[in-house]
């Protein structure tokens, strides 16, 4: 008889602040995402804490009263981990750990942990380890707090610092080694990319958990790993796809997220070469998510960072089957209509209807809704790029309606 697997989630509290740049609604959105990240990493959020501050406390991020409140709560409720929504400085992390006497993480550390869990290939593991080492280096001194419990005296002055310096050198050497390893793999991958010939390259980009891998599976009839968790895909997958009789290469890339750690952008820039070298981007958006417009801005910002924001792009609004809008009752004269009340038809009449020369698609990858329209749009866009590159091939690929399905 099979035994039922019991998953022990870490009992966790999450912490954020309300500032002049981040109101309470925005904080709740970020904490919702942080809770999903915590669940993905294997934690269960028991409680949320927030405080209104003009700016974070440089020593402990929060005020002393709020820190005492959190400290009392974690002791009373057997909490093992406290996760902060913003990146903590090394000194803040050290000071908070002294007060709370439990595991203290920030958003960056949490995302790095998820990436470490999800990395399958040697390349992904190398990239994640590089990001972890770069994050760890300035924080090493906080990991030697046990030496503070030693009393001074002959022979006990300074070995802590010596050990820290030794560790720092080990981490620096490791970073240099990992960078060299990534450079070697990059050369191999650029050779692989050059061997793909002159086929048109299409890349799926978008926020994490918007359905890129599901769409990849449907259009390429392949089996890319899919899960309703953040960062299910870390390794870039490239598949040859044929629509009607037109072949092209489709790549599924790592998802983006708000407040993405700079270490990860740096170490994963090579993975994003698939995006840089793509001829066409399919920007997939989860339209059922309440903050999808902000997700679009985050993705566009990262595309700008990697200098890929000027490529031809088709906006693919996915998960229309899960889209729900708020309804204002007929006798409700107080509630103002906002974008949260828009129906899909109303959204189509906004900027979405005209984005990228009317390159906006509304589909459901799971249910294959409007999938024929999606295939046609992609076919026409790929065909235009192909016949610009090879004008003499124009007669091979007619308009979508006239093209013959490849058997």
Protein backbone atom coordinates (compact mmCIF):
# COMPACT_ATOMS: atom_id res chain seq x y z
CA UNK A 1 0.00 0.00 0.00
CA UNK A 2 1.30 3.43 -0.92
CA UNK A 3 1.94 5.75 2.00
CA UNK A 4 0.48 9.23 1.75
CA UNK A 5 3.24 11.81 1.46
CA UNK A 6 3.06 14.42 4.20
CA UNK A 7 4.53 17.80 3.25
CA UNK A 8 5.67 19.83 6.25
CA UNK A 9 5.36 23.52 5.38
CA UNK A 10 7.52 25.97 7.35
CA UNK A 11 5.43 28.23 9.58
CA UNK A 12 6.13 31.73 8.29
CA UNK A 13 5.15 35.36 8.80
CA UNK A 14 5.62 38.00 6.09
CA UNK A 15 6.40 41.68 6.62
CA UNK A 16 6.02 44.81 4.47
CA UNK A 17 5.86 48.57 4.88
CA UNK A 18 3.53 51.33 3.68
CA UNK A 19 5.54 54.30 2.38
CA UNK A 20 4.92 57.43 0.32
CA UNK A 21 5.77 55.34 -2.79
CA UNK A 22 3.73 52.28 -1.77
CA UNK A 23 0.20 52.67 -0.39
CA UNK A 24 -1.76 50.01 1.51
CA UNK A 25 -3.44 48.55 -1.62
CA UNK A 26 -0.08 48.25 -3.39
CA UNK A 27 1.46 46.63 -0.30
CA UNK A 28 -1.36 44.06 -0.16
CA UNK A 29 -0.74 43.19 -3.82
CA UNK A 30 2.98 42.69 -3.12
CA UNK A 31 2.25 40.64 0.02
CA UNK A 32 -0.19 38.44 -1.96
CA UNK A 33 2.64 37.75 -4.39
CA UNK A 34 5.11 37.20 -1.53
CA UNK A 35 2.68 34.69 0.01
CA UNK A 36 2.52 32.80 -3.31
CA UNK A 37 6.34 32.86 -3.47
CA UNK A 38 6.48 31.51 0.10
CA UNK A 39 4.06 28.70 -0.79
CA UNK A 40 6.14 27.88 -3.89
CA UNK A 41 9.27 27.66 -1.69
CA UNK A 42 7.51 25.35 0.81
CA UNK A 43 6.25 27.75 3.48
CA UNK A 44 2.84 28.46 5.00
CA UNK A 45 2.07 32.10 5.83
CA UNK A 46 0.44 32.28 9.27
CA UNK A 47 0.25 36.08 9.60
CA UNK A 48 1.12 39.33 7.83
CA UNK A 49 2.65 42.36 9.52
CA UNK A 50 2.84 45.88 8.09
CA UNK A 51 3.88 49.30 9.33
CA UNK A 52 3.47 52.82 7.98
CA UNK A 53 6.87 54.50 7.66
CA UNK A 54 8.26 57.43 5.68
CA UNK A 55 11.33 55.31 4.91
CA UNK A 56 12.65 51.98 6.21
CA UNK A 57 14.59 52.10 9.49
CA UNK A 58 18.28 51.85 8.45
CA UNK A 59 19.07 49.57 11.44
CA UNK A 60 16.10 47.21 11.71
CA UNK A 61 13.90 48.08 8.65
CA UNK A 62 10.87 48.46 11.03
CA UNK A 63 10.33 50.51 14.18
CA UNK A 64 11.23 49.02 17.59
CA UNK A 65 7.58 48.65 18.66
CA UNK A 66 6.68 46.63 15.56
CA UNK A 67 9.82 44.48 15.97
CA UNK A 68 8.78 43.70 19.58
CA UNK A 69 5.26 42.78 18.37
CA UNK A 70 6.67 40.39 15.74
CA UNK A 71 9.13 38.92 18.26
CA UNK A 72 6.30 38.20 20.76
CA UNK A 73 4.13 36.65 18.02
CA UNK A 74 6.81 34.29 16.66
CA UNK A 75 7.62 33.00 20.16
CA UNK A 76 3.93 32.45 21.03
CA UNK A 77 3.06 30.75 17.71
CA UNK A 78 6.16 28.64 17.01
CA UNK A 79 7.12 30.57 13.83
CA UNK A 80 10.37 29.41 12.21
CA UNK A 81 10.84 32.00 9.43
CA UNK A 82 10.21 35.74 8.93
CA UNK A 83 10.22 37.02 5.33
CA UNK A 84 10.49 40.72 4.42
CA UNK A 85 9.00 42.00 1.17
CA UNK A 86 11.97 44.24 0.34
CA UNK A 87 15.68 43.53 0.10
CA UNK A 88 17.39 43.94 3.48
CA UNK A 89 20.90 45.36 3.75
CA UNK A 90 23.51 43.06 5.37
CA UNK A 91 23.45 45.12 8.59
CA UNK A 92 19.62 45.13 8.74
CA UNK A 93 19.57 41.35 8.32
CA UNK A 94 22.17 40.94 11.08
CA UNK A 95 20.34 43.27 13.51
CA UNK A 96 16.91 41.70 12.86
CA UNK A 97 18.32 38.17 13.34
CA UNK A 98 19.68 39.24 16.76
CA UNK A 99 16.27 40.54 17.86
CA UNK A 100 14.05 37.79 16.45
CA UNK A 101 16.30 34.78 16.99
CA UNK A 102 14.82 32.88 14.01
CA UNK A 103 15.48 32.54 10.27
CA UNK A 104 15.21 35.97 8.58
CA UNK A 105 14.86 36.16 4.79
CA UNK A 106 14.07 38.92 2.32
CA UNK A 107 12.30 38.76 -1.04
CA UNK A 108 15.61 38.34 -2.92
CA UNK A 109 16.72 35.43 -0.72
CA UNK A 110 13.32 33.76 -1.17
CA UNK A 111 13.39 34.05 -4.99
CA UNK A 112 16.97 32.70 -5.04
CA UNK A 113 15.82 29.74 -2.92
CA UNK A 114 12.97 28.97 -5.36
CA UNK A 115 15.38 29.19 -8.29
CA UNK A 116 17.75 26.79 -6.50
CA UNK A 117 14.88 24.31 -6.02
CA UNK A 118 13.74 24.60 -9.63
CA UNK A 119 17.12 24.49 -11.43
CA UNK A 120 17.31 21.19 -13.32
CA UNK A 121 20.20 21.50 -15.76
CA UNK A 122 23.85 22.14 -14.97
CA UNK A 123 23.58 25.55 -16.68
CA UNK A 124 20.61 26.71 -14.59
CA UNK A 125 22.27 25.45 -11.39
CA UNK A 126 25.47 27.34 -12.26
CA UNK A 127 23.54 30.57 -12.89
CA UNK A 128 21.60 30.24 -9.61
CA UNK A 129 24.74 29.45 -7.62
CA UNK A 130 26.46 32.52 -9.06
CA UNK A 131 23.51 34.71 -7.99
CA UNK A 132 23.53 33.11 -4.51
CA UNK A 133 27.27 33.71 -4.07
CA UNK A 134 26.93 37.36 -5.14
CA UNK A 135 24.09 37.78 -2.64
CA UNK A 136 26.01 35.97 0.13
CA UNK A 137 29.36 37.78 -0.15
CA UNK A 138 28.45 41.06 1.64
CA UNK A 139 26.42 39.12 4.25
CA UNK A 140 29.12 36.74 5.46
CA UNK A 141 29.94 38.73 8.61
CA UNK A 142 26.36 38.26 9.86
CA UNK A 143 26.89 34.51 9.74
CA UNK A 144 29.71 34.61 12.29
CA UNK A 145 27.65 35.95 15.23
CA UNK A 146 28.48 32.82 17.28
CA UNK A 147 31.99 34.26 17.79
CA UNK A 148 30.52 37.17 19.73
CA UNK A 149 29.64 34.74 22.53
CA UNK A 150 33.36 34.01 23.08
CA UNK A 151 35.06 35.97 25.82
CA UNK A 152 38.12 37.99 25.02
CA UNK A 153 41.57 37.01 26.16
CA UNK A 154 44.87 35.61 24.98
CA UNK A 155 44.51 33.63 21.81
CA UNK A 156 40.89 34.61 21.26
CA UNK A 157 41.31 37.99 19.61
CA UNK A 158 40.54 38.01 15.90
CA UNK A 159 40.09 34.42 14.73
CA UNK A 160 36.54 35.29 13.74
CA UNK A 161 37.69 37.97 11.35
CA UNK A 162 40.33 35.64 9.94
CA UNK A 163 37.71 32.98 9.27
CA UNK A 164 35.42 35.56 7.66
CA UNK A 165 38.24 36.71 5.39
CA UNK A 166 39.01 33.09 4.47
CA UNK A 167 35.33 32.54 3.65
CA UNK A 168 35.16 35.72 1.62
CA UNK A 169 38.15 34.59 -0.43
CA UNK A 170 36.54 31.17 -0.99
CA UNK A 171 33.29 32.84 -2.15
CA UNK A 172 35.16 35.29 -4.43
CA UNK A 173 37.11 32.41 -5.98
CA UNK A 174 33.86 30.49 -6.44
CA UNK A 175 32.25 33.50 -8.17
CA UNK A 176 35.22 33.77 -10.56
CA UNK A 177 35.02 30.02 -11.28
CA UNK A 178 31.24 30.13 -11.92
CA UNK A 179 31.57 33.16 -14.22
CA UNK A 180 34.22 31.29 -16.22
CA UNK A 181 31.97 28.21 -16.38
CA UNK A 182 29.04 30.33 -17.62
CA UNK A 183 31.27 31.95 -20.27
CA UNK A 184 32.23 28.47 -21.53
CA UNK A 185 28.60 27.31 -21.67
CA UNK A 186 27.61 30.60 -23.36
CA UNK A 187 30.10 29.90 -26.16
CA UNK A 188 28.63 26.40 -26.61
CA UNK A 189 25.08 27.79 -26.65
CA UNK A 190 25.94 30.54 -29.14
CA UNK A 191 27.39 27.83 -31.43
CA UNK A 192 24.13 25.86 -31.01
CA UNK A 193 22.13 28.97 -31.89
CA UNK A 194 24.26 29.68 -34.96
CA UNK A 195 23.77 26.06 -36.09
CA UNK A 196 20.02 26.57 -36.18
CA UNK A 197 20.42 28.28 -39.50
CA UNK A 198 18.34 31.19 -40.68
CA UNK A 199 14.98 29.98 -39.33
CA UNK A 200 12.76 32.67 -37.84
CA UNK A 201 13.01 32.67 -34.04
CA UNK A 202 10.01 33.40 -31.83
CA UNK A 203 10.33 33.79 -28.05
CA UNK A 204 7.59 33.56 -25.41
CA UNK A 205 8.09 36.24 -22.76
CA UNK A 206 5.96 37.36 -19.85
CA UNK A 207 5.44 37.47 -16.12
CA UNK A 208 5.88 34.24 -14.17
CA UNK A 209 2.86 31.88 -14.05
CA UNK A 210 0.96 33.42 -17.00
CA UNK A 211 0.75 30.18 -19.01
CA UNK A 212 3.79 30.42 -21.34
CA UNK A 213 4.70 26.74 -20.93
CA UNK A 214 1.07 25.65 -21.44
CA UNK A 215 0.95 27.69 -24.66
CA UNK A 216 4.30 26.19 -25.70
CA UNK A 217 2.90 22.67 -25.19
CA UNK A 218 -0.26 23.39 -27.18
CA UNK A 219 1.42 25.05 -30.16
CA UNK A 220 4.46 22.73 -30.39
CA UNK A 221 2.74 19.51 -29.22
CA UNK A 222 5.62 19.00 -26.76
CA UNK A 223 5.74 18.19 -23.05
CA UNK A 224 7.28 21.17 -21.24
CA UNK A 225 6.84 21.03 -17.43
CA UNK A 226 3.76 22.99 -16.32
CA UNK A 227 2.67 23.78 -12.75
CA UNK A 228 0.54 26.45 -11.06
CA UNK A 229 3.51 27.81 -9.13
CA UNK A 230 5.93 30.66 -9.69
CA UNK A 231 9.07 29.96 -11.76
CA UNK A 232 8.03 26.47 -12.92
CA UNK A 233 10.28 27.06 -15.97
CA UNK A 234 13.93 28.06 -15.45
CA UNK A 235 15.65 26.38 -18.37
CA UNK A 236 15.01 27.77 -21.83
CA UNK A 237 13.25 25.21 -24.04
CA UNK A 238 13.48 25.56 -27.83
CA UNK A 239 11.17 23.61 -30.16
CA UNK A 240 10.72 23.57 -33.93
CA UNK A 241 7.08 24.47 -34.68
CA UNK A 242 5.26 24.22 -38.01
CA UNK A 243 2.03 26.17 -38.60
CA UNK A 244 0.42 25.05 -41.87
CA UNK A 245 3.65 24.51 -43.87
CA UNK A 246 5.71 27.32 -42.28
CA UNK A 247 8.48 26.21 -39.86
CA UNK A 248 10.00 28.40 -37.14
CA UNK A 249 11.76 28.02 -33.75
CA UNK A 250 9.80 28.75 -30.57
CA UNK A 251 11.56 29.26 -27.21
CA UNK A 252 10.02 29.29 -23.73
CA UNK A 253 12.00 31.51 -21.34
CA UNK A 254 12.16 32.10 -17.58
CA UNK A 255 9.25 34.20 -16.27
CA UNK A 256 9.81 37.73 -14.93
CA UNK A 257 8.61 39.17 -11.62
CA UNK A 258 8.36 42.54 -9.89
CA UNK A 259 11.38 43.48 -7.76
CA UNK A 260 13.45 40.84 -9.55
CA UNK A 261 16.84 40.58 -7.75
CA UNK A 262 19.62 42.31 -9.67
CA UNK A 263 21.90 39.29 -9.06
CA UNK A 264 19.43 37.12 -10.98
CA UNK A 265 19.10 39.54 -13.90
CA UNK A 266 22.90 39.54 -14.14
CA UNK A 267 23.39 35.77 -13.92
CA UNK A 268 20.38 34.96 -16.14
CA UNK A 269 21.23 37.49 -18.84
CA UNK A 270 22.81 34.69 -20.86
CA UNK A 271 19.59 32.64 -20.68
CA UNK A 272 17.78 35.71 -21.97
CA UNK A 273 19.96 35.63 -25.10
CA UNK A 274 17.10 33.61 -26.61
CA UNK A 275 14.97 36.74 -26.18
CA UNK A 276 17.72 39.06 -27.45
CA UNK A 277 18.21 37.01 -30.62
CA UNK A 278 14.51 36.42 -31.30
CA UNK A 279 12.93 37.93 -34.41
CA UNK A 280 9.44 38.07 -32.85
CA UNK A 281 8.24 38.19 -29.23
CA UNK A 282 4.96 36.72 -27.99
CA UNK A 283 4.30 38.70 -24.81
CA UNK A 284 1.94 36.44 -22.82
CA UNK A 285 -0.26 38.15 -20.19
CA UNK A 286 -2.53 36.53 -17.58
CA UNK A 287 -5.60 38.75 -18.08
CA UNK A 288 -7.39 37.04 -15.17
CA UNK A 289 -4.82 38.49 -12.72
CA UNK A 290 -6.03 41.73 -11.07
CA UNK A 291 -2.62 43.41 -11.54
CA UNK A 292 -1.93 42.33 -15.11
CA UNK A 293 -1.28 45.90 -16.31
CA UNK A 294 1.51 46.27 -13.75
CA UNK A 295 2.87 42.88 -14.84
CA UNK A 296 3.07 44.19 -18.42
CA UNK A 297 5.06 47.23 -17.20
CA UNK A 298 7.47 44.97 -15.23
CA UNK A 299 8.10 42.76 -18.27
CA UNK A 300 8.57 45.79 -20.56
CA UNK A 301 11.08 47.24 -18.08
CA UNK A 302 13.16 44.03 -18.06
CA UNK A 303 12.96 43.84 -21.89
CA UNK A 304 14.30 47.39 -21.93
CA UNK A 305 17.12 46.38 -19.52
CA UNK A 306 18.21 43.61 -21.89
CA UNK A 307 17.76 45.90 -24.94
CA UNK A 308 14.94 43.86 -26.51
CA UNK A 309 12.05 46.31 -26.22
CA UNK A 310 12.12 47.35 -29.89
CA UNK A 311 11.36 43.91 -31.39
CA UNK A 312 8.08 43.10 -33.21
CA UNK A 313 5.69 41.93 -30.48
CA UNK A 314 2.31 40.24 -30.37
CA UNK A 315 0.43 40.71 -27.08
CA UNK A 316 -1.25 37.42 -26.13
CA UNK A 317 -3.85 37.90 -23.39
CA UNK A 318 -4.21 34.40 -21.96
CA UNK A 319 -6.64 32.77 -19.46
CA UNK A 320 -9.76 34.53 -20.79
CA UNK A 321 -11.71 31.53 -19.43
CA UNK A 322 -10.70 32.56 -15.89
CA UNK A 323 -11.34 36.32 -16.34
CA UNK A 324 -13.90 37.75 -13.88
CA UNK A 325 -14.84 41.42 -13.63
CA UNK A 326 -16.49 43.25 -10.72
CA UNK A 327 -20.15 44.11 -11.24
CA UNK A 328 -21.86 47.32 -10.11
CA UNK A 329 -25.46 46.70 -9.13
CA UNK A 330 -28.15 48.77 -10.91
CA UNK A 331 -29.20 50.51 -7.65
CA UNK A 332 -25.59 51.25 -6.62
CA UNK A 333 -25.12 54.99 -7.19
CA UNK A 334 -21.95 55.33 -5.09
CA UNK A 335 -19.39 52.93 -6.62
CA UNK A 336 -17.29 54.48 -9.38
CA UNK A 337 -16.54 52.34 -12.41
CA UNK A 338 -12.85 51.40 -12.67
CA UNK A 339 -10.83 49.05 -14.90
CA UNK A 340 -11.68 46.28 -12.39
CA UNK A 341 -15.29 46.49 -13.71
CA UNK A 342 -14.34 46.23 -17.41
CA UNK A 343 -15.68 43.29 -19.40
CA UNK A 344 -13.39 41.67 -21.97
CA UNK A 345 -15.19 43.56 -24.73
CA UNK A 346 -14.57 46.85 -22.94
CA UNK A 347 -10.89 45.98 -22.51
CA UNK A 348 -10.64 45.28 -26.25
CA UNK A 349 -11.90 48.79 -26.92
CA UNK A 350 -9.07 50.33 -24.82
CA UNK A 351 -5.33 50.49 -25.67
CA UNK A 352 -5.37 46.69 -26.07
CA UNK A 353 -7.27 46.88 -29.34
CA UNK A 354 -4.60 48.99 -31.02
CA UNK A 355 -1.36 47.75 -29.43
CA UNK A 356 1.37 46.90 -31.96
CA UNK A 357 -0.69 47.44 -35.13
CA UNK A 358 -3.66 45.57 -33.72
CA UNK A 359 -1.45 42.70 -32.59
CA UNK A 360 -3.54 41.84 -29.54
CA UNK A 361 -4.95 38.33 -29.10
CA UNK A 362 -7.36 37.06 -26.47
CA UNK A 363 -7.04 33.31 -25.94
CA UNK A 364 -7.25 30.45 -23.46
CA UNK A 365 -4.29 28.08 -23.94
CA UNK A 366 -5.88 25.43 -21.70
CA UNK A 367 -9.25 25.40 -23.51
CA UNK A 368 -7.79 26.32 -26.94
CA UNK A 369 -10.24 29.25 -27.20
CA UNK A 370 -9.55 31.54 -30.21
CA UNK A 371 -6.61 29.26 -31.01
CA UNK A 372 -7.16 29.39 -34.78
CA UNK A 373 -6.93 33.19 -34.67
CA UNK A 374 -3.71 32.86 -32.64
CA UNK A 375 -2.20 30.46 -35.21
CA UNK A 376 -3.13 32.81 -38.06
CA UNK A 377 -1.63 35.89 -36.37
CA UNK A 378 1.63 34.07 -35.59
CA UNK A 379 1.79 32.55 -39.09
CA UNK A 380 1.35 35.96 -40.77
CA UNK A 381 3.94 37.63 -38.50
CA UNK A 382 6.52 34.84 -39.01
CA UNK A 383 5.81 34.77 -42.79
CA UNK A 384 6.42 38.53 -43.06
CA UNK A 385 9.82 38.17 -41.34
CA UNK A 386 10.70 35.11 -43.45
CA UNK A 387 9.89 36.62 -46.86
CA UNK A 388 11.75 39.82 -45.90
CA UNK A 389 14.79 37.65 -45.25
CA UNK A 390 14.24 35.32 -48.25
CA UNK A 391 12.15 37.19 -50.88
CA UNK A 392 12.48 34.30 -53.36
CA UNK A 393 10.61 32.01 -50.88
CA UNK A 394 7.49 34.13 -51.00
CA UNK A 395 5.57 31.73 -53.26
CA UNK A 396 6.23 28.83 -50.81
CA UNK A 397 4.24 30.45 -48.02
CA UNK A 398 0.94 31.98 -49.21
CA UNK A 399 -1.59 33.78 -47.00
CA UNK A 400 -2.78 31.70 -44.03
CA UNK A 401 -6.18 30.95 -45.58
CA UNK A 402 -4.54 29.65 -48.77
CA UNK A 403 -1.73 27.69 -47.05
CA UNK A 404 -1.94 23.93 -46.84
CA UNK A 405 -1.65 22.21 -43.46
CA UNK A 406 1.60 20.25 -43.22
CA UNK A 407 0.93 16.58 -42.53
